[in-house]
N, C-alpha and C. Protein backbone atom coordinates (compact mmCIF):
# COMPACT_ATOMS: atom_id res chain seq x y z
N MET A 1 47.56 58.87 9.59
CA MET A 1 46.51 58.14 9.49
C MET A 1 45.30 59.50 9.36
N PRO A 2 44.43 58.76 8.66
CA PRO A 2 43.09 59.82 8.50
C PRO A 2 42.14 60.04 9.38
N ASN A 3 42.15 61.10 9.53
CA ASN A 3 41.21 61.79 10.61
C ASN A 3 40.04 62.16 10.02
N PRO A 4 39.53 62.67 10.99
CA PRO A 4 37.90 63.02 10.28
C PRO A 4 37.54 64.52 10.24
N LYS A 5 37.14 65.35 9.15
CA LYS A 5 37.65 66.27 9.16
C LYS A 5 36.39 67.32 9.54
N ARG A 6 35.44 66.86 9.96
CA ARG A 6 34.32 67.63 10.82
C ARG A 6 34.04 66.21 11.66
N ARG A 7 33.57 66.82 13.24
CA ARG A 7 33.06 66.11 14.09
C ARG A 7 31.77 65.90 13.90
N HIS A 8 32.01 64.42 14.52
CA HIS A 8 30.33 63.52 14.32
C HIS A 8 29.22 63.84 15.55
N SER A 9 28.02 63.30 14.75
CA SER A 9 27.10 64.29 15.83
C SER A 9 26.85 63.28 17.12
N GLN A 10 26.63 63.75 17.73
CA GLN A 10 25.77 62.95 19.07
C GLN A 10 25.23 61.77 19.00
N GLN A 11 23.80 62.55 17.79
CA GLN A 11 23.24 61.69 17.16
C GLN A 11 23.58 60.28 16.52
N ARG A 12 24.65 60.69 15.79
CA ARG A 12 25.43 60.18 14.66
C ARG A 12 25.99 58.82 15.70
N SER A 13 26.82 59.11 16.95
CA SER A 13 27.21 58.04 17.70
C SER A 13 26.25 57.56 18.37
N ALA A 14 25.00 58.03 18.66
CA ALA A 14 23.88 56.99 19.32
C ALA A 14 23.46 55.95 18.28
N LYS A 15 23.33 56.35 17.09
CA LYS A 15 22.98 55.27 16.28
C LYS A 15 23.77 54.32 16.17
N ARG A 16 24.97 54.72 16.26
CA ARG A 16 25.87 53.17 16.31
C ARG A 16 26.03 52.64 17.25
N ARG A 17 25.69 52.73 18.40
CA ARG A 17 25.88 53.04 20.00
C ARG A 17 24.45 51.93 20.38
N THR A 18 23.22 51.71 19.70
CA THR A 18 22.47 51.66 19.95
C THR A 18 22.83 49.42 20.48
N HIS A 19 23.44 48.91 19.77
CA HIS A 19 23.29 47.58 19.32
C HIS A 19 24.41 47.55 21.08
N TYR A 20 24.95 47.97 21.44
CA TYR A 20 25.74 47.70 22.82
C TYR A 20 24.47 47.30 23.98
N LYS A 21 24.23 46.09 23.93
CA LYS A 21 23.06 46.20 25.10
C LYS A 21 23.82 45.27 26.88
N ALA A 22 22.86 45.72 27.56
CA ALA A 22 23.63 44.85 29.21
C ALA A 22 22.84 43.62 28.61
N THR A 23 23.64 42.51 29.05
CA THR A 23 23.12 41.28 29.26
C THR A 23 23.23 40.54 30.48
N THR A 24 22.42 39.40 31.10
CA THR A 24 22.76 38.85 31.91
C THR A 24 23.71 37.67 31.80
N ALA A 25 24.36 37.34 32.76
CA ALA A 25 25.27 36.29 32.61
C ALA A 25 24.86 35.11 32.43
N THR A 26 25.16 34.00 31.73
CA THR A 26 24.36 32.77 31.63
C THR A 26 25.24 32.03 32.78
N LEU A 27 24.12 31.56 33.09
CA LEU A 27 24.24 30.41 34.82
C LEU A 27 23.96 28.92 33.82
N SER A 28 24.97 28.17 34.90
CA SER A 28 24.60 26.60 34.80
C SER A 28 24.89 26.13 36.26
N THR A 29 24.17 24.58 36.00
CA THR A 29 24.75 23.84 37.94
C THR A 29 25.52 22.84 37.52
N ASP A 30 26.55 23.38 38.08
CA ASP A 30 27.90 22.14 38.19
C ASP A 30 27.40 20.50 38.56
N SER A 31 27.89 19.56 37.84
CA SER A 31 27.60 18.59 37.62
C SER A 31 28.34 17.51 39.00
N THR A 32 29.54 18.26 39.61
CA THR A 32 29.64 17.95 40.78
C THR A 32 28.91 18.17 42.08
N THR A 33 28.78 19.74 42.48
CA THR A 33 28.32 20.08 43.63
C THR A 33 26.72 20.60 43.45
N GLY A 34 26.60 20.31 42.09
CA GLY A 34 24.77 21.08 42.02
C GLY A 34 24.75 22.42 42.20
N GLU A 35 25.91 23.57 42.15
CA GLU A 35 25.33 24.59 42.57
C GLU A 35 25.54 25.50 41.30
N LEU A 36 24.72 26.36 41.26
CA LEU A 36 24.94 27.34 40.37
C LEU A 36 26.13 28.57 40.08
N HIS A 37 26.52 28.70 38.70
CA HIS A 37 27.81 29.46 38.57
C HIS A 37 27.94 29.92 36.86
N VAL A 38 28.63 31.03 36.87
CA VAL A 38 28.91 31.49 35.82
C VAL A 38 29.45 30.74 34.61
N ARG A 39 29.04 30.37 33.53
CA ARG A 39 29.57 29.44 32.45
C ARG A 39 30.75 29.79 32.07
N HIS A 40 31.63 28.94 31.70
CA HIS A 40 32.98 29.14 31.45
C HIS A 40 33.93 30.12 32.80
N ARG A 41 34.07 29.70 33.77
CA ARG A 41 34.51 30.48 34.97
C ARG A 41 34.36 29.29 35.73
N ALA A 42 35.79 29.73 36.62
CA ALA A 42 36.02 28.91 37.74
C ALA A 42 35.14 29.22 39.49
N HIS A 43 34.67 28.48 39.77
CA HIS A 43 34.17 28.40 40.85
C HIS A 43 34.54 27.79 42.69
N VAL A 44 34.42 28.53 43.45
CA VAL A 44 34.58 28.25 44.63
C VAL A 44 33.55 27.49 45.80
N SER A 45 33.75 25.99 45.56
CA SER A 45 32.67 25.73 46.79
C SER A 45 33.31 24.73 47.63
N GLU A 46 32.81 25.09 48.69
CA GLU A 46 32.87 24.39 49.90
C GLU A 46 34.79 24.84 50.30
N GLY A 47 35.54 25.62 50.01
CA GLY A 47 36.91 26.12 50.02
C GLY A 47 37.33 25.17 49.40
N LYS A 48 36.90 24.99 47.95
CA LYS A 48 37.34 23.98 46.74
C LYS A 48 37.37 24.72 45.79
N LEU A 49 38.60 24.86 44.54
CA LEU A 49 38.46 25.72 43.22
C LEU A 49 37.43 24.91 42.30
N TYR A 50 36.67 24.81 41.49
CA TYR A 50 36.11 23.93 40.53
C TYR A 50 36.13 24.67 38.90
N TYR A 51 36.22 23.62 38.21
CA TYR A 51 36.29 23.84 36.69
C TYR A 51 35.98 22.94 35.88
N LYS A 52 35.24 23.05 35.63
CA LYS A 52 34.35 21.51 34.17
C LYS A 52 34.29 20.48 35.26
N GLY A 53 33.58 21.09 36.36
CA GLY A 53 33.34 19.69 37.05
C GLY A 53 34.45 19.00 38.35
N LYS A 54 35.87 19.42 37.78
CA LYS A 54 37.46 19.07 38.26
C LYS A 54 37.77 20.31 39.69
N VAL A 55 38.19 19.27 40.15
CA VAL A 55 38.83 20.07 41.47
C VAL A 55 39.97 20.47 40.88
N LEU A 56 40.25 22.10 41.23
CA LEU A 56 41.73 22.46 40.60
C LEU A 56 42.93 22.91 41.39
N VAL A 57 42.17 23.23 42.73
CA VAL A 57 42.80 23.31 43.70
C VAL A 57 42.13 23.48 45.28
N GLU A 58 42.85 22.79 46.18
CA GLU A 58 42.30 22.85 47.65
C GLU A 58 42.61 23.65 48.63
N LYS A 59 41.76 23.89 49.23
CA LYS A 59 42.23 25.26 50.11
C LYS A 59 43.03 24.47 50.95
N SER A 60 44.46 24.59 51.81
CA SER A 60 45.44 24.21 52.04
C SER A 60 45.37 25.00 53.88
N PRO A 61 45.03 24.27 54.79
CA PRO A 61 45.74 24.94 56.13
C PRO A 61 46.88 26.27 55.99
N VAL A 62 46.74 27.15 56.47
CA VAL A 62 47.76 28.38 56.60
C VAL A 62 48.75 27.84 57.85
N ASN A 63 49.75 27.66 57.37
CA ASN A 63 51.16 27.26 58.77
C ASN A 63 51.52 28.84 58.65
N LYS A 64 51.60 29.05 60.07
CA LYS A 64 52.44 30.05 60.45
C LYS A 64 53.59 30.08 61.70
């Protein structure tokens, strides 16, 4: 594989990295529970796991 003949300067690397910015997560309100959550992620509300307004997993009591 080709390798650079000379080292790139720090300024050159910094110029390339100027477009990498930290962004805030987009929040949305769940239609079922009315809670805020990160978009396109499952979230827990009252012991149940929700995704796209549907219950995926209900927390069951642990038997010992």
